[in-house]
Amino acid sequence: MVLSISSDVKAHFLELQVLTRYVKGVKVERESAELEKFREQIVQQVKASYTLESLKEVPLFRTYRNFFWRVGIDPTKIRPAAEALIRRILADKPLPKINTVVDAYNLASIKTGIALAAFDEGKLTGNLLMRFAKKGEKFLGIGMEKPMELEGVEVVISDEEKLVAIYPYRDADCSKVSDETRDILLLMCGVPGIGEEILQKAADVAIEYITRFCGGDAL
């Protein structure tokens, strides 16, 4: 399975990079006592490293916010993924608990500051394409009650049949990781200004956390 970037997206975002990795044979569970302990360690690290005021000036988060503006997303209302999770911690709100794979890569996102996504490989058809949305195209994201209609400025990822993500902030319900998932496609979501080396380090952290708590073999 290959992820390609359309020529018009490449032309519009000259430095845009994204990395993909696979983890095969994961065991997805609702929760893990070991993961809960590790989550608390990450929470304490965040509280020691950030304040709500200091988040505004973190270069990595500013870079994501700049990209959000360019693709029609207001980052004052919809925060970039890692920043949103860190803000929850600093506001003493609980982190979301989905399943051990999602929770593990969310912690990796918090640790690295990089937006991450994971798809159930078995629910994907053919190769993936990152492209601009078509005006009027419908997208049903995880947790949404009904599909939203896209404006045509959004960057999306589709397989050969359907949309699987609005890049880089929301994944589709149809390809989400569930308790039955065994093989995942992991996405390290870069934006202009974030180089391959940073994305590779994020990939290493995400794979370390996922395989530590969910098993599996990384490819």
N, C-alpha and C. Protein backbone atom coordinates (compact mmCIF):
# COMPACT_ATOMS: atom_id res chain seq x y z
N MET A 1 0.85 -1.19 0.00
CA MET A 1 0.00 0.00 0.00
C MET A 1 0.89 1.24 0.00
N VAL A 2 0.57 2.18 -0.88
CA VAL A 2 1.40 3.38 -1.06
C VAL A 2 0.55 4.62 -0.78
N LEU A 3 1.14 5.61 -0.12
CA LEU A 3 0.51 6.91 0.04
C LEU A 3 1.17 7.89 -0.91
N SER A 4 0.40 8.43 -1.85
CA SER A 4 0.90 9.43 -2.79
C SER A 4 0.30 10.79 -2.46
N ILE A 5 1.02 11.84 -2.84
CA ILE A 5 0.53 13.21 -2.67
C ILE A 5 0.26 13.78 -4.05
N SER A 6 -0.94 14.31 -4.25
CA SER A 6 -1.32 14.82 -5.56
C SER A 6 -0.43 15.99 -5.96
N SER A 7 -0.32 16.23 -7.27
CA SER A 7 0.57 17.27 -7.77
C SER A 7 0.15 18.66 -7.31
N ASP A 8 -1.16 18.90 -7.22
CA ASP A 8 -1.60 20.25 -6.80
C ASP A 8 -1.35 20.49 -5.32
N VAL A 9 -1.47 19.45 -4.47
CA VAL A 9 -1.11 19.61 -3.06
C VAL A 9 0.38 19.84 -2.93
N LYS A 10 1.19 19.09 -3.68
CA LYS A 10 2.64 19.30 -3.65
C LYS A 10 3.00 20.72 -4.06
N ALA A 11 2.35 21.22 -5.10
CA ALA A 11 2.65 22.55 -5.59
C ALA A 11 2.25 23.63 -4.59
N HIS A 12 1.16 23.39 -3.87
CA HIS A 12 0.65 24.37 -2.92
C HIS A 12 1.43 24.36 -1.60
N PHE A 13 1.89 23.18 -1.21
CA PHE A 13 2.63 23.02 0.04
C PHE A 13 3.97 22.36 -0.27
N LEU A 14 4.94 23.18 -0.65
CA LEU A 14 6.17 22.66 -1.24
C LEU A 14 6.95 21.75 -0.29
N GLU A 15 6.91 22.01 1.00
CA GLU A 15 7.72 21.26 1.95
C GLU A 15 6.92 20.20 2.72
N LEU A 16 5.72 19.92 2.27
CA LEU A 16 4.88 18.97 2.99
C LEU A 16 5.44 17.56 2.90
N GLN A 17 5.63 16.93 4.07
CA GLN A 17 6.11 15.56 4.13
C GLN A 17 5.22 14.75 5.07
N VAL A 18 5.08 13.48 4.76
CA VAL A 18 4.33 12.55 5.61
C VAL A 18 5.02 11.20 5.56
N LEU A 19 5.07 10.53 6.70
CA LEU A 19 5.69 9.20 6.77
C LEU A 19 4.64 8.15 7.10
N THR A 20 4.80 6.97 6.56
CA THR A 20 3.93 5.84 6.90
C THR A 20 4.75 4.69 7.43
N ARG A 21 4.19 3.98 8.39
CA ARG A 21 4.80 2.75 8.91
C ARG A 21 3.67 1.78 9.21
N TYR A 22 4.00 0.50 9.21
CA TYR A 22 3.02 -0.53 9.52
C TYR A 22 3.38 -1.23 10.81
N VAL A 23 2.36 -1.62 11.57
CA VAL A 23 2.56 -2.51 12.71
C VAL A 23 1.58 -3.66 12.53
N LYS A 24 2.12 -4.85 12.41
CA LYS A 24 1.33 -6.05 12.13
C LYS A 24 1.16 -6.88 13.41
N GLY A 25 -0.04 -7.43 13.56
CA GLY A 25 -0.28 -8.37 14.65
C GLY A 25 -0.44 -7.73 16.02
N VAL A 26 -1.03 -6.54 16.08
CA VAL A 26 -1.25 -5.91 17.38
C VAL A 26 -2.42 -6.58 18.10
N LYS A 27 -2.42 -6.46 19.40
CA LYS A 27 -3.54 -6.92 20.22
C LYS A 27 -4.19 -5.69 20.84
N VAL A 28 -5.39 -5.38 20.40
CA VAL A 28 -6.07 -4.17 20.86
C VAL A 28 -6.98 -4.53 22.04
N GLU A 29 -6.81 -3.82 23.14
CA GLU A 29 -7.63 -4.03 24.32
C GLU A 29 -8.26 -2.71 24.73
N ARG A 30 -9.29 -2.81 25.55
CA ARG A 30 -9.96 -1.60 26.02
C ARG A 30 -9.05 -0.77 26.91
N GLU A 31 -8.31 -1.42 27.78
CA GLU A 31 -7.44 -0.70 28.69
C GLU A 31 -6.32 -1.62 29.17
N SER A 32 -5.32 -1.03 29.78
CA SER A 32 -4.17 -1.76 30.29
C SER A 32 -3.66 -1.06 31.53
N ALA A 33 -3.47 -1.81 32.60
CA ALA A 33 -2.98 -1.21 33.85
C ALA A 33 -1.58 -0.63 33.65
N GLU A 34 -0.77 -1.32 32.87
CA GLU A 34 0.59 -0.84 32.60
C GLU A 34 0.54 0.47 31.81
N LEU A 35 -0.36 0.54 30.84
CA LEU A 35 -0.50 1.76 30.05
C LEU A 35 -1.01 2.91 30.92
N GLU A 36 -1.90 2.62 31.87
CA GLU A 36 -2.41 3.65 32.76
C GLU A 36 -1.29 4.27 33.58
N LYS A 37 -0.38 3.43 34.08
CA LYS A 37 0.76 3.94 34.84
C LYS A 37 1.65 4.81 33.98
N PHE A 38 1.87 4.37 32.75
CA PHE A 38 2.72 5.14 31.85
C PHE A 38 2.05 6.45 31.47
N ARG A 39 0.74 6.44 31.28
CA ARG A 39 -0.01 7.66 30.97
C ARG A 39 0.23 8.71 32.06
N GLU A 40 0.20 8.28 33.32
CA GLU A 40 0.39 9.22 34.42
C GLU A 40 1.80 9.82 34.40
N GLN A 41 2.78 9.02 33.99
CA GLN A 41 4.15 9.56 33.86
C GLN A 41 4.19 10.66 32.81
N ILE A 42 3.53 10.43 31.68
CA ILE A 42 3.50 11.43 30.61
C ILE A 42 2.77 12.68 31.09
N VAL A 43 1.68 12.51 31.81
CA VAL A 43 0.93 13.65 32.33
C VAL A 43 1.81 14.52 33.22
N GLN A 44 2.57 13.88 34.10
CA GLN A 44 3.45 14.64 35.00
C GLN A 44 4.56 15.34 34.24
N GLN A 45 5.08 14.70 33.19
CA GLN A 45 6.11 15.34 32.36
C GLN A 45 5.55 16.59 31.68
N VAL A 46 4.33 16.49 31.19
CA VAL A 46 3.70 17.64 30.52
C VAL A 46 3.54 18.80 31.50
N LYS A 47 3.05 18.51 32.69
CA LYS A 47 2.82 19.57 33.67
C LYS A 47 4.12 20.24 34.09
N ALA A 48 5.22 19.49 34.02
CA ALA A 48 6.53 20.05 34.38
C ALA A 48 7.16 20.82 33.23
N SER A 49 6.65 20.63 32.01
CA SER A 49 7.30 21.19 30.82
C SER A 49 6.56 22.37 30.21
N TYR A 50 5.23 22.45 30.41
CA TYR A 50 4.43 23.45 29.72
C TYR A 50 3.51 24.20 30.68
N THR A 51 3.10 25.37 30.24
CA THR A 51 1.96 26.07 30.83
C THR A 51 1.03 26.43 29.67
N LEU A 52 -0.19 26.80 29.97
CA LEU A 52 -1.12 27.20 28.91
C LEU A 52 -0.58 28.41 28.14
N GLU A 53 0.13 29.29 28.84
CA GLU A 53 0.70 30.46 28.17
C GLU A 53 1.88 30.07 27.28
N SER A 54 2.73 29.18 27.76
CA SER A 54 3.92 28.82 26.99
C SER A 54 3.59 28.04 25.73
N LEU A 55 2.44 27.36 25.71
CA LEU A 55 2.05 26.58 24.54
C LEU A 55 1.92 27.45 23.30
N LYS A 56 1.52 28.69 23.50
CA LYS A 56 1.29 29.58 22.37
C LYS A 56 2.56 29.82 21.55
N GLU A 57 3.72 29.69 22.20
CA GLU A 57 4.98 30.02 21.54
C GLU A 57 5.80 28.80 21.15
N VAL A 58 5.28 27.60 21.35
CA VAL A 58 6.02 26.41 20.95
C VAL A 58 6.08 26.36 19.43
N PRO A 59 7.29 26.38 18.83
CA PRO A 59 7.40 26.47 17.37
C PRO A 59 6.65 25.37 16.62
N LEU A 60 6.72 24.14 17.13
CA LEU A 60 6.06 23.03 16.46
C LEU A 60 4.55 23.25 16.36
N PHE A 61 3.95 23.71 17.44
CA PHE A 61 2.51 23.93 17.45
C PHE A 61 2.12 25.13 16.59
N ARG A 62 2.97 26.16 16.58
CA ARG A 62 2.71 27.31 15.71
C ARG A 62 2.73 26.89 14.24
N THR A 63 3.62 25.97 13.91
CA THR A 63 3.73 25.48 12.53
C THR A 63 2.46 24.76 12.11
N TYR A 64 1.92 23.91 12.99
CA TYR A 64 0.65 23.24 12.69
C TYR A 64 -0.50 24.25 12.57
N ARG A 65 -0.52 25.24 13.47
CA ARG A 65 -1.60 26.23 13.41
C ARG A 65 -1.57 26.99 12.09
N ASN A 66 -0.37 27.35 11.64
CA ASN A 66 -0.25 28.05 10.36
C ASN A 66 -0.82 27.22 9.21
N PHE A 67 -0.56 25.92 9.24
CA PHE A 67 -1.08 25.04 8.19
C PHE A 67 -2.60 24.95 8.28
N PHE A 68 -3.12 24.86 9.50
CA PHE A 68 -4.57 24.78 9.67
C PHE A 68 -5.27 25.97 9.00
N TRP A 69 -4.73 27.17 9.21
CA TRP A 69 -5.34 28.35 8.59
C TRP A 69 -5.39 28.19 7.08
N ARG A 70 -4.34 27.62 6.51
CA ARG A 70 -4.23 27.52 5.05
C ARG A 70 -5.19 26.49 4.44
N VAL A 71 -5.70 25.58 5.26
CA VAL A 71 -6.62 24.56 4.73
C VAL A 71 -8.03 24.72 5.30
N GLY A 72 -8.34 25.94 5.75
CA GLY A 72 -9.71 26.25 6.15
C GLY A 72 -10.12 25.78 7.52
N ILE A 73 -9.14 25.51 8.39
CA ILE A 73 -9.45 25.08 9.75
C ILE A 73 -9.00 26.17 10.72
N ASP A 74 -9.90 26.62 11.58
CA ASP A 74 -9.58 27.66 12.56
C ASP A 74 -8.92 27.00 13.78
N PRO A 75 -7.59 27.19 13.97
CA PRO A 75 -6.90 26.50 15.06
C PRO A 75 -7.21 27.07 16.45
N THR A 76 -7.95 28.17 16.52
CA THR A 76 -8.40 28.65 17.82
C THR A 76 -9.64 27.89 18.28
N LYS A 77 -10.29 27.20 17.34
CA LYS A 77 -11.46 26.39 17.67
C LYS A 77 -11.15 24.90 17.62
N ILE A 78 -10.33 24.50 16.64
CA ILE A 78 -9.90 23.11 16.51
C ILE A 78 -8.39 23.10 16.63
N ARG A 79 -7.90 22.66 17.76
CA ARG A 79 -6.46 22.70 18.02
C ARG A 79 -5.75 21.55 17.31
N PRO A 80 -4.50 21.77 16.89
CA PRO A 80 -3.70 20.65 16.41
C PRO A 80 -3.64 19.54 17.47
N ALA A 81 -3.52 18.30 17.02
CA ALA A 81 -3.75 17.13 17.88
C ALA A 81 -2.93 17.14 19.17
N ALA A 82 -1.61 17.26 19.05
CA ALA A 82 -0.77 17.20 20.25
C ALA A 82 -1.07 18.37 21.18
N GLU A 83 -1.23 19.55 20.62
CA GLU A 83 -1.54 20.72 21.44
C GLU A 83 -2.86 20.53 22.18
N ALA A 84 -3.86 19.99 21.50
CA ALA A 84 -5.16 19.77 22.14
C ALA A 84 -5.05 18.82 23.33
N LEU A 85 -4.28 17.75 23.17
CA LEU A 85 -4.10 16.78 24.25
C LEU A 85 -3.34 17.40 25.42
N ILE A 86 -2.32 18.18 25.11
CA ILE A 86 -1.54 18.83 26.17
C ILE A 86 -2.39 19.86 26.91
N ARG A 87 -3.22 20.58 26.18
CA ARG A 87 -4.11 21.54 26.82
C ARG A 87 -5.07 20.85 27.79
N ARG A 88 -5.53 19.68 27.43
CA ARG A 88 -6.41 18.93 28.34
C ARG A 88 -5.68 18.61 29.64
N ILE A 89 -4.45 18.19 29.52
CA ILE A 89 -3.67 17.86 30.71
C ILE A 89 -3.48 19.09 31.59
N LEU A 90 -3.11 20.21 30.98
CA LEU A 90 -2.84 21.44 31.74
C LEU A 90 -4.11 22.00 32.37
N ALA A 91 -5.26 21.68 31.79
CA ALA A 91 -6.54 22.11 32.35
C ALA A 91 -7.11 21.09 33.33
N ASP A 92 -6.30 20.07 33.65
CA ASP A 92 -6.71 19.00 34.57
C ASP A 92 -7.94 18.25 34.08
N LYS A 93 -8.05 18.11 32.77
CA LYS A 93 -9.11 17.29 32.18
C LYS A 93 -8.54 15.93 31.81
N PRO A 94 -9.34 14.87 31.92
CA PRO A 94 -8.82 13.54 31.60
C PRO A 94 -8.53 13.39 30.11
N LEU A 95 -7.49 12.64 29.80
CA LEU A 95 -7.22 12.31 28.40
C LEU A 95 -8.26 11.30 27.92
N PRO A 96 -8.61 11.33 26.64
CA PRO A 96 -9.57 10.35 26.12
C PRO A 96 -9.00 8.94 26.22
N LYS A 97 -9.88 7.99 26.53
CA LYS A 97 -9.50 6.58 26.56
C LYS A 97 -10.32 5.85 25.50
N ILE A 98 -9.65 5.39 24.45
CA ILE A 98 -10.33 4.75 23.33
C ILE A 98 -10.05 3.25 23.34
N ASN A 99 -8.82 2.91 23.09
CA ASN A 99 -8.32 1.54 23.22
C ASN A 99 -6.81 1.65 23.33
N THR A 100 -6.13 0.53 23.56
CA THR A 100 -4.71 0.60 23.88
C THR A 100 -3.85 1.10 22.72
N VAL A 101 -4.23 0.80 21.48
CA VAL A 101 -3.45 1.31 20.34
C VAL A 101 -3.61 2.82 20.23
N VAL A 102 -4.84 3.30 20.22
CA VAL A 102 -5.09 4.74 20.09
C VAL A 102 -4.50 5.50 21.27
N ASP A 103 -4.69 4.97 22.47
CA ASP A 103 -4.17 5.64 23.65
C ASP A 103 -2.64 5.69 23.62
N ALA A 104 -2.00 4.63 23.12
CA ALA A 104 -0.54 4.60 23.05
C ALA A 104 -0.02 5.63 22.06
N TYR A 105 -0.64 5.72 20.88
CA TYR A 105 -0.10 6.70 19.93
C TYR A 105 -0.50 8.13 20.29
N ASN A 106 -1.58 8.30 21.05
CA ASN A 106 -1.88 9.63 21.57
C ASN A 106 -0.78 10.09 22.53
N LEU A 107 -0.29 9.17 23.36
CA LEU A 107 0.81 9.51 24.26
C LEU A 107 2.08 9.84 23.47
N ALA A 108 2.30 9.12 22.36
CA ALA A 108 3.44 9.42 21.51
C ALA A 108 3.29 10.80 20.87
N SER A 109 2.09 11.18 20.52
CA SER A 109 1.83 12.50 19.96
C SER A 109 2.13 13.58 21.00
N ILE A 110 1.70 13.35 22.22
CA ILE A 110 1.99 14.28 23.31
C ILE A 110 3.49 14.41 23.52
N LYS A 111 4.18 13.30 23.53
CA LYS A 111 5.62 13.27 23.79
C LYS A 111 6.40 14.00 22.70
N THR A 112 6.00 13.83 21.44
CA THR A 112 6.78 14.35 20.32
C THR A 112 6.25 15.65 19.74
N GLY A 113 4.98 15.96 20.00
CA GLY A 113 4.36 17.14 19.43
C GLY A 113 3.86 16.96 18.01
N ILE A 114 4.01 15.76 17.46
CA ILE A 114 3.64 15.48 16.08
C ILE A 114 2.25 14.86 16.01
N ALA A 115 1.45 15.32 15.06
CA ALA A 115 0.13 14.72 14.84
C ALA A 115 0.30 13.33 14.24
N LEU A 116 -0.37 12.35 14.83
CA LEU A 116 -0.29 10.96 14.39
C LEU A 116 -1.69 10.46 14.06
N ALA A 117 -1.76 9.51 13.15
CA ALA A 117 -3.02 8.86 12.82
C ALA A 117 -2.75 7.38 12.62
N ALA A 118 -3.76 6.57 12.87
CA ALA A 118 -3.63 5.13 12.63
C ALA A 118 -4.92 4.62 12.02
N PHE A 119 -4.78 3.75 11.04
CA PHE A 119 -5.92 3.17 10.34
C PHE A 119 -5.85 1.65 10.44
N ASP A 120 -7.01 1.03 10.49
CA ASP A 120 -7.10 -0.43 10.39
C ASP A 120 -6.79 -0.80 8.95
N GLU A 121 -5.65 -1.44 8.73
CA GLU A 121 -5.23 -1.74 7.37
C GLU A 121 -6.25 -2.59 6.63
N GLY A 122 -6.92 -3.48 7.36
CA GLY A 122 -7.90 -4.35 6.73
C GLY A 122 -9.14 -3.62 6.22
N LYS A 123 -9.33 -2.37 6.64
CA LYS A 123 -10.48 -1.59 6.20
C LYS A 123 -10.14 -0.62 5.07
N LEU A 124 -8.89 -0.67 4.61
CA LEU A 124 -8.45 0.19 3.52
C LEU A 124 -8.45 -0.58 2.21
N THR A 125 -8.76 0.11 1.12
CA THR A 125 -8.82 -0.52 -0.20
C THR A 125 -7.80 0.13 -1.13
N GLY A 126 -6.83 -0.63 -1.57
CA GLY A 126 -5.85 -0.12 -2.52
C GLY A 126 -4.92 0.91 -1.92
N ASN A 127 -4.38 1.75 -2.78
CA ASN A 127 -3.43 2.77 -2.35
C ASN A 127 -4.14 4.01 -1.82
N LEU A 128 -3.38 4.84 -1.12
CA LEU A 128 -3.91 6.07 -0.54
C LEU A 128 -3.43 7.28 -1.33
N LEU A 129 -4.26 8.31 -1.36
CA LEU A 129 -3.92 9.55 -2.05
C LEU A 129 -4.25 10.73 -1.15
N MET A 130 -3.28 11.61 -0.97
CA MET A 130 -3.53 12.89 -0.31
C MET A 130 -3.84 13.91 -1.39
N ARG A 131 -4.96 14.58 -1.25
CA ARG A 131 -5.43 15.50 -2.29
C ARG A 131 -6.29 16.57 -1.67
N PHE A 132 -6.66 17.56 -2.45
CA PHE A 132 -7.64 18.53 -1.99
C PHE A 132 -9.03 17.91 -2.07
N ALA A 133 -9.86 18.25 -1.11
CA ALA A 133 -11.24 17.78 -1.12
C ALA A 133 -12.00 18.36 -2.31
N LYS A 134 -13.01 17.67 -2.74
CA LYS A 134 -13.93 18.19 -3.74
C LYS A 134 -15.08 18.91 -3.02
N LYS A 135 -15.43 20.08 -3.50
CA LYS A 135 -16.51 20.83 -2.85
C LYS A 135 -17.78 19.99 -2.83
N GLY A 136 -18.39 19.88 -1.65
CA GLY A 136 -19.60 19.10 -1.50
C GLY A 136 -19.35 17.66 -1.11
N GLU A 137 -18.10 17.23 -1.11
CA GLU A 137 -17.77 15.86 -0.72
C GLU A 137 -18.15 15.65 0.74
N LYS A 138 -18.64 14.46 1.06
CA LYS A 138 -19.10 14.17 2.42
C LYS A 138 -18.04 13.38 3.19
N PHE A 139 -17.92 13.71 4.49
CA PHE A 139 -16.94 13.03 5.34
C PHE A 139 -17.58 12.75 6.69
N LEU A 140 -17.49 11.48 7.13
CA LEU A 140 -17.98 11.09 8.45
C LEU A 140 -16.77 10.74 9.31
N GLY A 141 -16.46 11.62 10.25
CA GLY A 141 -15.32 11.41 11.12
C GLY A 141 -15.69 10.61 12.36
N ILE A 142 -14.68 10.12 13.04
CA ILE A 142 -14.89 9.39 14.28
C ILE A 142 -15.64 10.28 15.27
N GLY A 143 -16.71 9.76 15.84
CA GLY A 143 -17.48 10.50 16.84
C GLY A 143 -18.51 11.46 16.27
N MET A 144 -18.59 11.57 14.95
CA MET A 144 -19.57 12.47 14.34
C MET A 144 -20.91 11.75 14.18
N GLU A 145 -22.00 12.47 14.44
CA GLU A 145 -23.33 11.88 14.31
C GLU A 145 -23.80 11.84 12.86
N LYS A 146 -23.33 12.78 12.06
CA LYS A 146 -23.71 12.80 10.65
C LYS A 146 -22.54 13.35 9.83
N PRO A 147 -22.49 13.04 8.54
CA PRO A 147 -21.38 13.51 7.71
C PRO A 147 -21.37 15.03 7.59
N MET A 148 -20.16 15.57 7.45
CA MET A 148 -20.02 17.00 7.17
C MET A 148 -19.74 17.17 5.68
N GLU A 149 -20.15 18.33 5.15
CA GLU A 149 -19.92 18.63 3.74
C GLU A 149 -18.67 19.49 3.62
N LEU A 150 -17.72 19.06 2.83
CA LEU A 150 -16.44 19.74 2.72
C LEU A 150 -16.53 20.91 1.75
N GLU A 151 -15.66 21.90 1.99
CA GLU A 151 -15.70 23.14 1.22
C GLU A 151 -14.84 23.08 -0.04
N GLY A 152 -13.89 22.16 -0.06
CA GLY A 152 -13.01 22.06 -1.22
C GLY A 152 -11.62 22.63 -0.98
N VAL A 153 -11.40 23.24 0.19
CA VAL A 153 -10.06 23.76 0.53
C VAL A 153 -9.31 22.80 1.44
N GLU A 154 -10.02 21.83 2.01
CA GLU A 154 -9.40 20.90 2.93
C GLU A 154 -8.46 19.94 2.20
N VAL A 155 -7.43 19.50 2.90
CA VAL A 155 -6.59 18.42 2.40
C VAL A 155 -7.12 17.12 3.01
N VAL A 156 -7.37 16.14 2.16
CA VAL A 156 -7.94 14.87 2.62
C VAL A 156 -7.06 13.71 2.17
N ILE A 157 -7.29 12.57 2.78
CA ILE A 157 -6.67 11.32 2.34
C ILE A 157 -7.79 10.36 1.98
N SER A 158 -7.69 9.75 0.81
CA SER A 158 -8.69 8.78 0.37
C SER A 158 -7.98 7.49 -0.03
N ASP A 159 -8.70 6.37 0.13
CA ASP A 159 -8.22 5.15 -0.52
C ASP A 159 -8.92 5.08 -1.88
N GLU A 160 -8.99 3.94 -2.47
CA GLU A 160 -9.57 3.86 -3.82
C GLU A 160 -11.09 3.85 -3.82
N GLU A 161 -11.70 3.91 -2.61
CA GLU A 161 -13.16 3.91 -2.53
C GLU A 161 -13.75 5.05 -1.71
N LYS A 162 -12.99 5.58 -0.75
CA LYS A 162 -13.62 6.46 0.24
C LYS A 162 -12.58 7.38 0.89
N LEU A 163 -13.10 8.41 1.57
CA LEU A 163 -12.25 9.27 2.38
C LEU A 163 -11.92 8.58 3.69
N VAL A 164 -10.66 8.69 4.11
CA VAL A 164 -10.27 8.08 5.38
C VAL A 164 -9.75 9.11 6.38
N ALA A 165 -9.53 10.36 5.94
CA ALA A 165 -9.07 11.38 6.88
C ALA A 165 -9.19 12.77 6.27
N ILE A 166 -9.44 13.76 7.13
CA ILE A 166 -9.16 15.16 6.82
C ILE A 166 -7.80 15.44 7.45
N TYR A 167 -6.86 15.78 6.64
CA TYR A 167 -5.46 15.91 7.08
C TYR A 167 -5.21 17.30 7.65
N PRO A 168 -4.52 17.39 8.81
CA PRO A 168 -3.99 16.28 9.60
C PRO A 168 -4.73 16.15 10.93
N TYR A 169 -6.05 16.34 10.94
CA TYR A 169 -6.68 16.43 12.26
C TYR A 169 -7.83 15.47 12.54
N ARG A 170 -8.44 14.84 11.55
CA ARG A 170 -9.59 13.98 11.88
C ARG A 170 -9.62 12.76 10.98
N ASP A 171 -9.75 11.58 11.60
CA ASP A 171 -9.82 10.32 10.86
C ASP A 171 -11.27 9.90 10.66
N ALA A 172 -11.49 9.11 9.62
CA ALA A 172 -12.85 8.66 9.30
C ALA A 172 -13.27 7.50 10.19
N ASP A 173 -14.56 7.43 10.43
CA ASP A 173 -15.10 6.34 11.24
C ASP A 173 -14.92 4.99 10.56
N CYS A 174 -14.97 4.97 9.23
CA CYS A 174 -14.97 3.71 8.49
C CYS A 174 -13.66 2.93 8.58
N SER A 175 -12.56 3.59 8.90
CA SER A 175 -11.26 2.91 8.92
C SER A 175 -10.57 3.01 10.27
N LYS A 176 -11.33 3.32 11.31
CA LYS A 176 -10.73 3.51 12.64
C LYS A 176 -10.23 2.19 13.23
N VAL A 177 -9.30 2.31 14.15
CA VAL A 177 -8.79 1.15 14.89
C VAL A 177 -9.82 0.73 15.92
N SER A 178 -10.18 -0.56 15.91
CA SER A 178 -11.17 -1.10 16.84
C SER A 178 -10.58 -2.31 17.56
N ASP A 179 -11.40 -2.92 18.41
CA ASP A 179 -10.93 -4.09 19.16
C ASP A 179 -10.56 -5.25 18.24
N GLU A 180 -11.14 -5.27 17.04
CA GLU A 180 -10.87 -6.38 16.11
C GLU A 180 -9.65 -6.12 15.22
N THR A 181 -9.09 -4.93 15.29
CA THR A 181 -7.96 -4.58 14.43
C THR A 181 -6.73 -5.42 14.78
N ARG A 182 -6.05 -5.89 13.75
CA ARG A 182 -4.81 -6.64 13.96
C ARG A 182 -3.62 -5.99 13.27
N ASP A 183 -3.84 -5.32 12.16
CA ASP A 183 -2.76 -4.68 11.42
C ASP A 183 -3.10 -3.20 11.24
N ILE A 184 -2.15 -2.33 11.54
CA ILE A 184 -2.42 -0.91 11.44
C ILE A 184 -1.43 -0.21 10.51
N LEU A 185 -1.93 0.81 9.86
CA LEU A 185 -1.11 1.74 9.10
C LEU A 185 -0.98 2.99 9.95
N LEU A 186 0.24 3.35 10.28
CA LEU A 186 0.52 4.50 11.13
C LEU A 186 1.00 5.66 10.27
N LEU A 187 0.45 6.83 10.52
CA LEU A 187 0.76 8.01 9.74
C LEU A 187 1.40 9.06 10.64
N MET A 188 2.58 9.55 10.25
CA MET A 188 3.23 10.68 10.92
C MET A 188 2.95 11.91 10.07
N CYS A 189 2.11 12.81 10.57
CA CYS A 189 1.54 13.89 9.77
C CYS A 189 2.42 15.13 9.85
N GLY A 190 3.17 15.36 8.80
CA GLY A 190 3.97 16.57 8.72
C GLY A 190 3.22 17.69 8.05
N VAL A 191 3.73 18.91 8.23
CA VAL A 191 3.24 20.09 7.53
C VAL A 191 4.48 20.88 7.12
N PRO A 192 4.36 21.84 6.20
CA PRO A 192 5.53 22.62 5.81
C PRO A 192 6.24 23.22 7.02
N GLY A 193 7.54 23.00 7.08
CA GLY A 193 8.32 23.47 8.23
C GLY A 193 8.71 22.37 9.19
N ILE A 194 8.16 21.18 9.00
CA ILE A 194 8.51 20.02 9.83
C ILE A 194 9.18 19.00 8.93
N GLY A 195 10.47 18.74 9.19
CA GLY A 195 11.27 17.91 8.31
C GLY A 195 11.15 16.42 8.59
N GLU A 196 11.74 15.65 7.70
CA GLU A 196 11.65 14.19 7.79
C GLU A 196 12.29 13.64 9.05
N GLU A 197 13.38 14.25 9.50
CA GLU A 197 14.06 13.74 10.69
C GLU A 197 13.15 13.81 11.91
N ILE A 198 12.41 14.90 12.05
CA ILE A 198 11.49 15.04 13.18
C ILE A 198 10.37 14.01 13.07
N LEU A 199 9.86 13.79 11.86
CA LEU A 199 8.80 12.80 11.67
C LEU A 199 9.31 11.40 11.96
N GLN A 200 10.55 11.11 11.58
CA GLN A 200 11.11 9.78 11.83
C GLN A 200 11.26 9.52 13.32
N LYS A 201 11.68 10.52 14.06
CA LYS A 201 11.79 10.36 15.51
C LYS A 201 10.42 10.11 16.13
N ALA A 202 9.40 10.81 15.62
CA ALA A 202 8.05 10.59 16.11
C ALA A 202 7.58 9.18 15.79
N ALA A 203 7.94 8.68 14.61
CA ALA A 203 7.58 7.32 14.22
C ALA A 203 8.21 6.31 15.17
N ASP A 204 9.46 6.54 15.51
CA ASP A 204 10.16 5.62 16.43
C ASP A 204 9.48 5.59 17.79
N VAL A 205 9.10 6.76 18.29
CA VAL A 205 8.43 6.83 19.60
C VAL A 205 7.07 6.15 19.53
N ALA A 206 6.30 6.42 18.48
CA ALA A 206 4.97 5.83 18.36
C ALA A 206 5.04 4.31 18.28
N ILE A 207 5.97 3.81 17.49
CA ILE A 207 6.11 2.35 17.36
C ILE A 207 6.57 1.74 18.67
N GLU A 208 7.48 2.42 19.36
CA GLU A 208 7.92 1.92 20.66
C GLU A 208 6.73 1.78 21.62
N TYR A 209 5.89 2.81 21.69
CA TYR A 209 4.76 2.78 22.62
C TYR A 209 3.73 1.73 22.20
N ILE A 210 3.40 1.68 20.92
CA ILE A 210 2.38 0.73 20.46
C ILE A 210 2.82 -0.71 20.70
N THR A 211 4.05 -1.04 20.30
CA THR A 211 4.51 -2.43 20.45
C THR A 211 4.73 -2.78 21.92
N ARG A 212 5.07 -1.80 22.72
CA ARG A 212 5.26 -2.04 24.16
C ARG A 212 3.96 -2.45 24.84
N PHE A 213 2.85 -1.79 24.46
CA PHE A 213 1.60 -2.04 25.15
C PHE A 213 0.62 -2.92 24.35
N CYS A 214 0.88 -3.08 23.06
CA CYS A 214 -0.06 -3.83 22.21
C CYS A 214 0.60 -4.94 21.41
N GLY A 215 1.91 -5.12 21.55
CA GLY A 215 2.61 -6.14 20.78
C GLY A 215 2.70 -5.77 19.32
N GLY A 216 2.93 -6.75 18.49
CA GLY A 216 3.01 -6.53 17.06
C GLY A 216 4.43 -6.33 16.57
N ASP A 217 4.58 -6.35 15.27
CA ASP A 217 5.88 -6.17 14.62
C ASP A 217 5.81 -4.99 13.67
N ALA A 218 6.78 -4.09 13.80
CA ALA A 218 6.81 -2.89 12.96
C ALA A 218 7.52 -3.18 11.64
N LEU A 219 6.99 -2.62 10.56
CA LEU A 219 7.59 -2.76 9.24
C LEU A 219 7.95 -1.37 8.71
